[in-house]
Amino acid sequence: MSQPEMPEYKGAPLDGERGPGLGCFWIQVVLLVGLLVLTPLSVVWAWPSMVSAALLILSLALLFFVGQTMIFLLRLVAADRRSRRRPMAPTARPTVGDLEDTSHKEDAGAG
């Protein structure tokens, strides 16, 4: 059985070693949660408006990076699952991928 094609990331096959890791993601999430708590408190505590604005802009920028890192990590998980998606029990019905592979082989044999 041939290996499924790996999804592309920046024009090359997706490689988990090239992108951000899980540690980077958790650091970003902790910083984002801290900023999401601190930003409204800076307004309540009457900090200078420039500080509150800077915290808000920093929160939005960090939210963007957390989202991008999450998308990258989810693509890694999906690629890993795609490469080993097999029924556990020998009596299990074929998966959709198995059915598609069978139909592609039949199409190739007929043409």
N, C-alpha and C. Protein backbone atom coordinates (compact mmCIF):
# COMPACT_ATOMS: atom_id res chain seq x y z
N MET A 1 0.84 -1.17 0.00
CA MET A 1 0.00 0.00 0.00
C MET A 1 0.89 1.24 0.00
N SER A 2 0.58 2.21 -0.83
CA SER A 2 1.39 3.41 -0.93
C SER A 2 1.10 4.36 0.23
N GLN A 3 2.14 5.12 0.58
CA GLN A 3 1.99 6.11 1.64
C GLN A 3 1.11 7.25 1.15
N PRO A 4 0.19 7.76 1.98
CA PRO A 4 -0.62 8.90 1.55
C PRO A 4 0.26 10.14 1.40
N GLU A 5 -0.13 11.00 0.51
CA GLU A 5 0.65 12.21 0.25
C GLU A 5 0.55 13.15 1.45
N MET A 6 1.71 13.62 1.92
CA MET A 6 1.73 14.53 3.06
C MET A 6 1.21 15.89 2.64
N PRO A 7 0.49 16.58 3.51
CA PRO A 7 0.03 17.93 3.17
C PRO A 7 1.21 18.88 3.03
N GLU A 8 1.03 19.93 2.26
CA GLU A 8 2.11 20.89 2.04
C GLU A 8 2.00 22.03 3.03
N TYR A 9 3.18 22.56 3.39
CA TYR A 9 3.28 23.73 4.26
C TYR A 9 4.37 24.61 3.66
N LYS A 10 4.00 25.79 3.23
CA LYS A 10 4.93 26.73 2.59
C LYS A 10 5.62 26.10 1.38
N GLY A 11 4.86 25.35 0.59
CA GLY A 11 5.36 24.80 -0.66
C GLY A 11 6.17 23.52 -0.55
N ALA A 12 6.33 22.98 0.65
CA ALA A 12 7.09 21.75 0.83
C ALA A 12 6.26 20.80 1.70
N PRO A 13 6.59 19.49 1.68
CA PRO A 13 5.84 18.58 2.55
C PRO A 13 5.93 19.01 4.01
N LEU A 14 4.84 18.85 4.73
CA LEU A 14 4.75 19.27 6.12
C LEU A 14 5.74 18.49 6.97
N ASP A 15 6.60 19.21 7.68
CA ASP A 15 7.61 18.61 8.53
C ASP A 15 7.46 19.20 9.92
N GLY A 16 7.13 18.37 10.90
CA GLY A 16 6.90 18.84 12.26
C GLY A 16 8.12 19.45 12.90
N GLU A 17 9.30 19.07 12.45
CA GLU A 17 10.53 19.58 13.05
C GLU A 17 10.82 21.03 12.62
N ARG A 18 10.21 21.48 11.54
CA ARG A 18 10.49 22.83 11.04
C ARG A 18 9.61 23.90 11.67
N GLY A 19 8.47 23.53 12.19
CA GLY A 19 7.53 24.50 12.70
C GLY A 19 7.59 24.64 14.21
N PRO A 20 6.66 25.42 14.76
CA PRO A 20 6.62 25.60 16.21
C PRO A 20 6.18 24.31 16.89
N GLY A 21 6.65 24.13 18.11
CA GLY A 21 6.31 22.92 18.85
C GLY A 21 5.22 23.18 19.87
N LEU A 22 4.91 22.14 20.62
CA LEU A 22 3.87 22.24 21.62
C LEU A 22 4.27 23.15 22.78
N GLY A 23 5.54 23.16 23.13
CA GLY A 23 6.02 24.06 24.19
C GLY A 23 5.83 25.52 23.82
N CYS A 24 6.15 25.84 22.58
CA CYS A 24 5.96 27.21 22.08
C CYS A 24 4.49 27.59 22.15
N PHE A 25 3.62 26.65 21.79
CA PHE A 25 2.19 26.91 21.81
C PHE A 25 1.71 27.21 23.23
N TRP A 26 2.13 26.40 24.21
CA TRP A 26 1.66 26.61 25.58
C TRP A 26 2.19 27.91 26.16
N ILE A 27 3.41 28.30 25.82
CA ILE A 27 3.94 29.59 26.27
C ILE A 27 3.08 30.72 25.71
N GLN A 28 2.73 30.62 24.43
CA GLN A 28 1.88 31.64 23.81
C GLN A 28 0.51 31.70 24.48
N VAL A 29 -0.07 30.55 24.79
CA VAL A 29 -1.40 30.52 25.41
C VAL A 29 -1.35 31.14 26.80
N VAL A 30 -0.32 30.82 27.58
CA VAL A 30 -0.21 31.39 28.93
C VAL A 30 -0.05 32.91 28.85
N LEU A 31 0.78 33.39 27.94
CA LEU A 31 0.93 34.84 27.76
C LEU A 31 -0.38 35.48 27.33
N LEU A 32 -1.11 34.83 26.42
CA LEU A 32 -2.37 35.38 25.95
C LEU A 32 -3.39 35.46 27.08
N VAL A 33 -3.49 34.42 27.89
CA VAL A 33 -4.43 34.45 29.02
C VAL A 33 -4.05 35.56 29.99
N GLY A 34 -2.76 35.71 30.26
CA GLY A 34 -2.31 36.79 31.14
C GLY A 34 -2.68 38.16 30.59
N LEU A 35 -2.48 38.35 29.30
CA LEU A 35 -2.83 39.64 28.69
C LEU A 35 -4.34 39.87 28.66
N LEU A 36 -5.11 38.79 28.45
CA LEU A 36 -6.56 38.93 28.43
C LEU A 36 -7.12 39.30 29.80
N VAL A 37 -6.42 38.94 30.86
CA VAL A 37 -6.83 39.33 32.21
C VAL A 37 -6.31 40.73 32.52
N LEU A 38 -5.07 41.01 32.15
CA LEU A 38 -4.43 42.28 32.51
C LEU A 38 -4.97 43.48 31.72
N THR A 39 -5.36 43.27 30.47
CA THR A 39 -5.80 44.40 29.63
C THR A 39 -7.03 45.10 30.20
N PRO A 40 -8.11 44.40 30.53
CA PRO A 40 -9.25 45.14 31.11
C PRO A 40 -8.96 45.68 32.51
N LEU A 41 -8.10 44.97 33.25
CA LEU A 41 -7.75 45.48 34.58
C LEU A 41 -6.96 46.78 34.49
N SER A 42 -6.18 46.93 33.43
CA SER A 42 -5.42 48.18 33.27
C SER A 42 -6.36 49.37 33.10
N VAL A 43 -7.52 49.14 32.52
CA VAL A 43 -8.51 50.22 32.37
C VAL A 43 -9.17 50.50 33.72
N VAL A 44 -9.53 49.42 34.45
CA VAL A 44 -10.18 49.59 35.76
C VAL A 44 -9.24 50.29 36.73
N TRP A 45 -7.97 49.95 36.67
CA TRP A 45 -6.99 50.55 37.58
C TRP A 45 -6.51 51.92 37.11
N ALA A 46 -7.07 52.42 36.04
CA ALA A 46 -6.78 53.76 35.50
C ALA A 46 -5.31 53.94 35.14
N TRP A 47 -4.73 52.92 34.52
CA TRP A 47 -3.37 53.07 34.00
C TRP A 47 -3.42 54.05 32.83
N PRO A 48 -2.30 54.59 32.41
CA PRO A 48 -2.31 55.51 31.25
C PRO A 48 -2.92 54.82 30.02
N SER A 49 -3.64 55.58 29.24
CA SER A 49 -4.34 55.00 28.10
C SER A 49 -3.38 54.38 27.08
N MET A 50 -2.18 54.91 26.98
CA MET A 50 -1.19 54.34 26.05
C MET A 50 -0.80 52.92 26.48
N VAL A 51 -0.70 52.70 27.78
CA VAL A 51 -0.36 51.36 28.27
C VAL A 51 -1.50 50.38 27.97
N SER A 52 -2.74 50.82 28.23
CA SER A 52 -3.89 49.96 27.95
C SER A 52 -3.99 49.66 26.46
N ALA A 53 -3.75 50.67 25.63
CA ALA A 53 -3.80 50.46 24.18
C ALA A 53 -2.70 49.50 23.74
N ALA A 54 -1.50 49.65 24.30
CA ALA A 54 -0.39 48.76 23.95
C ALA A 54 -0.71 47.33 24.36
N LEU A 55 -1.32 47.13 25.53
CA LEU A 55 -1.70 45.79 25.97
C LEU A 55 -2.75 45.20 25.04
N LEU A 56 -3.70 46.01 24.60
CA LEU A 56 -4.73 45.53 23.68
C LEU A 56 -4.13 45.11 22.35
N ILE A 57 -3.24 45.93 21.80
CA ILE A 57 -2.60 45.61 20.52
C ILE A 57 -1.73 44.36 20.67
N LEU A 58 -1.02 44.25 21.77
CA LEU A 58 -0.19 43.06 22.02
C LEU A 58 -1.07 41.82 22.15
N SER A 59 -2.23 41.95 22.79
CA SER A 59 -3.16 40.82 22.91
C SER A 59 -3.64 40.37 21.55
N LEU A 60 -3.99 41.31 20.69
CA LEU A 60 -4.46 40.95 19.35
C LEU A 60 -3.37 40.29 18.52
N ALA A 61 -2.15 40.81 18.61
CA ALA A 61 -1.03 40.22 17.86
C ALA A 61 -0.75 38.80 18.36
N LEU A 62 -0.76 38.62 19.68
CA LEU A 62 -0.50 37.30 20.24
C LEU A 62 -1.63 36.33 19.91
N LEU A 63 -2.86 36.82 19.85
CA LEU A 63 -3.98 35.98 19.45
C LEU A 63 -3.79 35.46 18.02
N PHE A 64 -3.27 36.31 17.14
CA PHE A 64 -2.97 35.88 15.78
C PHE A 64 -1.94 34.75 15.77
N PHE A 65 -0.86 34.91 16.53
CA PHE A 65 0.20 33.89 16.54
C PHE A 65 -0.27 32.59 17.19
N VAL A 66 -1.09 32.68 18.23
CA VAL A 66 -1.64 31.47 18.85
C VAL A 66 -2.51 30.72 17.84
N GLY A 67 -3.31 31.46 17.09
CA GLY A 67 -4.15 30.83 16.07
C GLY A 67 -3.35 30.15 14.99
N GLN A 68 -2.30 30.80 14.51
CA GLN A 68 -1.46 30.21 13.48
C GLN A 68 -0.73 28.96 13.98
N THR A 69 -0.22 29.03 15.20
CA THR A 69 0.46 27.86 15.78
C THR A 69 -0.52 26.71 15.96
N MET A 70 -1.75 27.03 16.38
CA MET A 70 -2.76 25.99 16.56
C MET A 70 -3.09 25.32 15.23
N ILE A 71 -3.22 26.11 14.18
CA ILE A 71 -3.50 25.54 12.85
C ILE A 71 -2.37 24.62 12.42
N PHE A 72 -1.12 25.05 12.61
CA PHE A 72 0.03 24.23 12.24
C PHE A 72 0.02 22.91 13.00
N LEU A 73 -0.21 22.97 14.32
CA LEU A 73 -0.20 21.75 15.11
C LEU A 73 -1.36 20.82 14.75
N LEU A 74 -2.52 21.38 14.44
CA LEU A 74 -3.64 20.55 14.02
C LEU A 74 -3.36 19.87 12.68
N ARG A 75 -2.66 20.57 11.78
CA ARG A 75 -2.30 19.95 10.51
C ARG A 75 -1.32 18.79 10.72
N LEU A 76 -0.41 18.94 11.69
CA LEU A 76 0.50 17.83 12.01
C LEU A 76 -0.26 16.62 12.52
N VAL A 77 -1.22 16.85 13.41
CA VAL A 77 -2.02 15.75 13.96
C VAL A 77 -2.81 15.08 12.85
N ALA A 78 -3.41 15.88 11.97
CA ALA A 78 -4.21 15.31 10.88
C ALA A 78 -3.32 14.50 9.93
N ALA A 79 -2.12 14.99 9.64
CA ALA A 79 -1.22 14.26 8.75
C ALA A 79 -0.78 12.95 9.39
N ASP A 80 -0.54 12.96 10.70
CA ASP A 80 -0.13 11.74 11.38
C ASP A 80 -1.27 10.73 11.39
N ARG A 81 -2.48 11.20 11.63
CA ARG A 81 -3.62 10.28 11.65
C ARG A 81 -3.89 9.71 10.27
N ARG A 82 -3.71 10.52 9.25
CA ARG A 82 -3.98 10.05 7.89
C ARG A 82 -3.05 8.91 7.52
N SER A 83 -1.82 8.93 8.04
CA SER A 83 -0.85 7.91 7.67
C SER A 83 -1.10 6.57 8.36
N ARG A 84 -1.90 6.54 9.43
CA ARG A 84 -2.12 5.28 10.15
C ARG A 84 -3.58 5.02 10.47
N ARG A 85 -4.47 5.44 9.63
CA ARG A 85 -5.90 5.25 9.87
C ARG A 85 -6.33 3.86 9.40
N ARG A 86 -6.37 2.93 10.29
CA ARG A 86 -6.78 1.56 10.00
C ARG A 86 -7.72 1.09 11.09
N PRO A 87 -8.71 0.29 10.75
CA PRO A 87 -9.58 -0.28 11.78
C PRO A 87 -8.78 -1.19 12.70
N MET A 88 -9.11 -1.18 13.97
CA MET A 88 -8.37 -1.98 14.95
C MET A 88 -8.77 -3.46 14.89
N ALA A 89 -10.04 -3.76 14.73
CA ALA A 89 -10.50 -5.14 14.73
C ALA A 89 -10.42 -5.73 13.32
N PRO A 90 -10.01 -6.98 13.19
CA PRO A 90 -9.93 -7.59 11.85
C PRO A 90 -11.30 -7.74 11.19
N THR A 91 -12.37 -7.77 11.99
CA THR A 91 -13.71 -7.91 11.42
C THR A 91 -14.37 -6.57 11.15
N ALA A 92 -13.67 -5.47 11.35
CA ALA A 92 -14.25 -4.13 11.16
C ALA A 92 -14.55 -3.89 9.68
N ARG A 93 -15.57 -3.09 9.45
CA ARG A 93 -15.92 -2.73 8.07
C ARG A 93 -14.84 -1.82 7.50
N PRO A 94 -14.67 -1.78 6.19
CA PRO A 94 -13.65 -0.91 5.59
C PRO A 94 -13.97 0.57 5.82
N THR A 95 -12.92 1.37 5.97
CA THR A 95 -13.11 2.81 6.15
C THR A 95 -13.40 3.44 4.79
N VAL A 96 -13.77 4.72 4.82
CA VAL A 96 -14.02 5.44 3.58
C VAL A 96 -12.76 5.47 2.73
N GLY A 97 -11.61 5.66 3.37
CA GLY A 97 -10.35 5.66 2.63
C GLY A 97 -10.07 4.34 1.95
N ASP A 98 -10.39 3.23 2.64
CA ASP A 98 -10.22 1.90 2.04
C ASP A 98 -11.12 1.75 0.82
N LEU A 99 -12.35 2.19 0.95
CA LEU A 99 -13.29 2.11 -0.17
C LEU A 99 -12.82 2.95 -1.36
N GLU A 100 -12.29 4.15 -1.06
CA GLU A 100 -11.78 5.01 -2.14
C GLU A 100 -10.57 4.36 -2.81
N ASP A 101 -9.67 3.79 -2.01
CA ASP A 101 -8.50 3.12 -2.59
C ASP A 101 -8.92 1.97 -3.49
N THR A 102 -9.90 1.21 -3.06
CA THR A 102 -10.39 0.09 -3.86
C THR A 102 -10.98 0.57 -5.17
N SER A 103 -11.79 1.66 -5.11
CA SER A 103 -12.39 2.17 -6.34
C SER A 103 -11.34 2.76 -7.28
N HIS A 104 -10.28 3.39 -6.72
CA HIS A 104 -9.20 3.93 -7.56
C HIS A 104 -8.43 2.81 -8.25
N LYS A 105 -8.23 1.70 -7.53
CA LYS A 105 -7.52 0.57 -8.13
C LYS A 105 -8.35 -0.05 -9.22
N GLU A 106 -9.66 -0.15 -9.01
CA GLU A 106 -10.54 -0.70 -10.05
C GLU A 106 -10.58 0.21 -11.27
N ASP A 107 -10.60 1.53 -11.04
CA ASP A 107 -10.59 2.49 -12.15
C ASP A 107 -9.29 2.39 -12.95
N ALA A 108 -8.18 2.24 -12.24
CA ALA A 108 -6.88 2.14 -12.90
C ALA A 108 -6.77 0.84 -13.69
N GLY A 109 -7.36 -0.23 -13.17
CA GLY A 109 -7.33 -1.51 -13.86
C GLY A 109 -8.21 -1.51 -15.08
N ALA A 110 -9.30 -0.74 -15.06
CA ALA A 110 -10.23 -0.71 -16.20
C ALA A 110 -9.72 0.20 -17.31
N GLY A 111 -8.89 1.19 -16.97
CA GLY A 111 -8.48 2.18 -17.96
C GLY A 111 -7.19 1.96 -18.54
